[in-house]
């Protein structure tokens, strides 16, 4: 069970990082275009990159949300383990 959660967390982290990379890609494209093209063309190239790339990043964020391992679930498991240990070491409770 623990390895499944670790795999889900790893896939979610990969998808989140990929989406963040895609969010930054148009900015990098824009700065590259500023040196290669006139400013007006660089702005349009950056805008076109945003229009085509950011929806893909949004889709990746939505998919990554499906792989999210909540902290509340981890806390509940930790508290249940804690209660079990309390019963083992303090049987009177």
C-alpha atoms as a PDB file:
ATOM      1  CA  UNK A   1       0.000   0.000   0.000  1.00  0.00           C
ATOM      2  CA  UNK A   2       2.801   2.386   0.859  1.00  0.00           C
ATOM      3  CA  UNK A   3       4.622   1.780  -2.438  1.00  0.00           C
ATOM      4  CA  UNK A   4       1.433   2.567  -4.381  1.00  0.00           C
ATOM      5  CA  UNK A   5       1.195   5.925  -2.629  1.00  0.00           C
ATOM      6  CA  UNK A   6       4.846   6.609  -3.332  1.00  0.00           C
ATOM      7  CA  UNK A   7       4.318   5.789  -7.010  1.00  0.00           C
ATOM      8  CA  UNK A   8       1.255   8.032  -7.161  1.00  0.00           C
ATOM      9  CA  UNK A   9       3.188  10.830  -5.471  1.00  0.00           C
ATOM     10  CA  UNK A  10       6.096  10.411  -7.897  1.00  0.00           C
ATOM     11  CA  UNK A  11       3.803  10.494 -10.947  1.00  0.00           C
ATOM     12  CA  UNK A  12       1.983  13.526  -9.554  1.00  0.00           C
ATOM     13  CA  UNK A  13       5.253  15.325  -8.909  1.00  0.00           C
ATOM     14  CA  UNK A  14       6.460  14.532 -12.437  1.00  0.00           C
ATOM     15  CA  UNK A  15       3.246  15.858 -13.979  1.00  0.00           C
ATOM     16  CA  UNK A  16       3.352  19.004 -11.830  1.00  0.00           C
ATOM     17  CA  UNK A  17       6.960  19.704 -12.800  1.00  0.00           C
ATOM     18  CA  UNK A  18       6.168  19.096 -16.450  1.00  0.00           C
ATOM     19  CA  UNK A  19       3.259  21.535 -16.256  1.00  0.00           C
ATOM     20  CA  UNK A  20       5.430  24.150 -14.553  1.00  0.00           C
ATOM     21  CA  UNK A  21       8.040  23.708 -17.266  1.00  0.00           C
ATOM     22  CA  UNK A  22       5.361  24.282 -19.900  1.00  0.00           C
ATOM     23  CA  UNK A  23       4.221  27.420 -18.080  1.00  0.00           C
ATOM     24  CA  UNK A  24       7.753  28.832 -18.220  1.00  0.00           C
ATOM     25  CA  UNK A  25       8.479  27.749 -21.786  1.00  0.00           C
ATOM     26  CA  UNK A  26       6.727  30.709 -23.503  1.00  0.00           C
ATOM     27  CA  UNK A  27       8.692  33.137 -21.341  1.00  0.00           C
ATOM     28  CA  UNK A  28      11.956  31.518 -22.414  1.00  0.00           C
ATOM     29  CA  UNK A  29      10.758  31.568 -26.008  1.00  0.00           C
ATOM     30  CA  UNK A  30       9.914  35.261 -25.684  1.00  0.00           C
ATOM     31  CA  UNK A  31      13.339  36.181 -24.291  1.00  0.00           C
ATOM     32  CA  UNK A  32      15.030  34.185 -27.027  1.00  0.00           C
ATOM     33  CA  UNK A  33      12.883  35.886 -29.660  1.00  0.00           C
ATOM     34  CA  UNK A  34      13.749  39.334 -28.304  1.00  0.00           C
ATOM     35  CA  UNK A  35      17.344  38.743 -29.367  1.00  0.00           C
ATOM     36  CA  UNK A  36      16.503  37.049 -32.660  1.00  0.00           C
ATOM     37  CA  UNK A  37      13.591  39.168 -33.967  1.00  0.00           C
ATOM     38  CA  UNK A  38      12.279  42.715 -33.714  1.00  0.00           C
ATOM     39  CA  UNK A  39      10.359  43.362 -30.460  1.00  0.00           C
ATOM     40  CA  UNK A  40       6.936  43.424 -32.124  1.00  0.00           C
ATOM     41  CA  UNK A  41       7.486  39.989 -33.676  1.00  0.00           C
ATOM     42  CA  UNK A  42       8.920  38.664 -30.409  1.00  0.00           C
ATOM     43  CA  UNK A  43       5.769  39.709 -28.537  1.00  0.00           C
ATOM     44  CA  UNK A  44       3.574  37.906 -31.063  1.00  0.00           C
ATOM     45  CA  UNK A  45       5.756  34.808 -30.930  1.00  0.00           C
ATOM     46  CA  UNK A  46       5.577  34.776 -27.131  1.00  0.00           C
ATOM     47  CA  UNK A  47       1.802  35.270 -27.228  1.00  0.00           C
ATOM     48  CA  UNK A  48       1.397  32.443 -29.733  1.00  0.00           C
ATOM     49  CA  UNK A  49       3.486  30.170 -27.522  1.00  0.00           C
ATOM     50  CA  UNK A  50       1.255  31.042 -24.555  1.00  0.00           C
ATOM     51  CA  UNK A  51      -1.918  30.321 -26.512  1.00  0.00           C
ATOM     52  CA  UNK A  52      -0.745  26.880 -27.599  1.00  0.00           C
ATOM     53  CA  UNK A  53       1.289  25.710 -24.584  1.00  0.00           C
ATOM     54  CA  UNK A  54      -0.625  26.885 -21.490  1.00  0.00           C
ATOM     55  CA  UNK A  55      -3.763  24.812 -22.185  1.00  0.00           C
ATOM     56  CA  UNK A  56      -1.553  21.716 -22.288  1.00  0.00           C
ATOM     57  CA  UNK A  57      -0.061  22.740 -18.937  1.00  0.00           C
ATOM     58  CA  UNK A  58      -3.559  23.128 -17.527  1.00  0.00           C
ATOM     59  CA  UNK A  59      -4.485  19.648 -18.680  1.00  0.00           C
ATOM     60  CA  UNK A  60      -1.352  18.264 -17.020  1.00  0.00           C
ATOM     61  CA  UNK A  61      -2.271  20.039 -13.763  1.00  0.00           C
ATOM     62  CA  UNK A  62      -5.741  18.478 -13.855  1.00  0.00           C
ATOM     63  CA  UNK A  63      -4.304  15.011 -14.484  1.00  0.00           C
ATOM     64  CA  UNK A  64      -1.732  15.542 -11.702  1.00  0.00           C
ATOM     65  CA  UNK A  65      -4.566  16.374  -9.303  1.00  0.00           C
ATOM     66  CA  UNK A  66      -5.835  12.818  -9.803  1.00  0.00           C
ATOM     67  CA  UNK A  67      -2.512  11.482  -8.510  1.00  0.00           C
ATOM     68  CA  UNK A  68      -2.513  13.731  -5.456  1.00  0.00           C
ATOM     69  CA  UNK A  69      -1.820  12.007  -2.145  1.00  0.00           C
ATOM     70  CA  UNK A  70      -3.488  14.141   0.503  1.00  0.00           C
ATOM     71  CA  UNK A  71      -1.753  15.096   3.710  1.00  0.00           C
ATOM     72  CA  UNK A  72      -4.945  14.492   5.663  1.00  0.00           C
ATOM     73  CA  UNK A  73      -4.921  10.855   4.578  1.00  0.00           C
ATOM     74  CA  UNK A  74      -1.308  10.511   5.701  1.00  0.00           C
ATOM     75  CA  UNK A  75      -2.150  12.141   9.037  1.00  0.00           C
ATOM     76  CA  UNK A  76      -5.074   9.782   9.559  1.00  0.00           C
ATOM     77  CA  UNK A  77      -2.856   6.774   8.935  1.00  0.00           C
ATOM     78  CA  UNK A  78      -0.210   8.134  11.283  1.00  0.00           C
ATOM     79  CA  UNK A  79      -2.768   8.760  14.011  1.00  0.00           C
ATOM     80  CA  UNK A  80      -4.240   5.271  13.629  1.00  0.00           C
ATOM     81  CA  UNK A  81      -0.756   3.795  13.911  1.00  0.00           C
ATOM     82  CA  UNK A  82      -0.178   5.981  16.955  1.00  0.00           C
ATOM     83  CA  UNK A  83      -3.380   4.714  18.596  1.00  0.00           C
ATOM     84  CA  UNK A  84      -2.371   1.144  17.847  1.00  0.00           C
ATOM     85  CA  UNK A  85       1.017   1.684  19.485  1.00  0.00           C
ATOM     86  CA  UNK A  86      -0.684   3.305  22.458  1.00  0.00           C
ATOM     87  CA  UNK A  87      -2.856   0.208  22.906  1.00  0.00           C
ATOM     88  CA  UNK A  88       0.142  -2.107  22.651  1.00  0.00           C
ATOM     89  CA  UNK A  89       2.274  -0.257  25.180  1.00  0.00           C
ATOM     90  CA  UNK A  90      -0.573   0.917  27.461  1.00  0.00           C
ATOM     91  CA  UNK A  91      -3.186  -1.876  27.490  1.00  0.00           C
ATOM     92  CA  UNK A  92      -5.192  -0.215  30.294  1.00  0.00           C
ATOM     93  CA  UNK A  93      -6.387   2.565  27.931  1.00  0.00           C
END
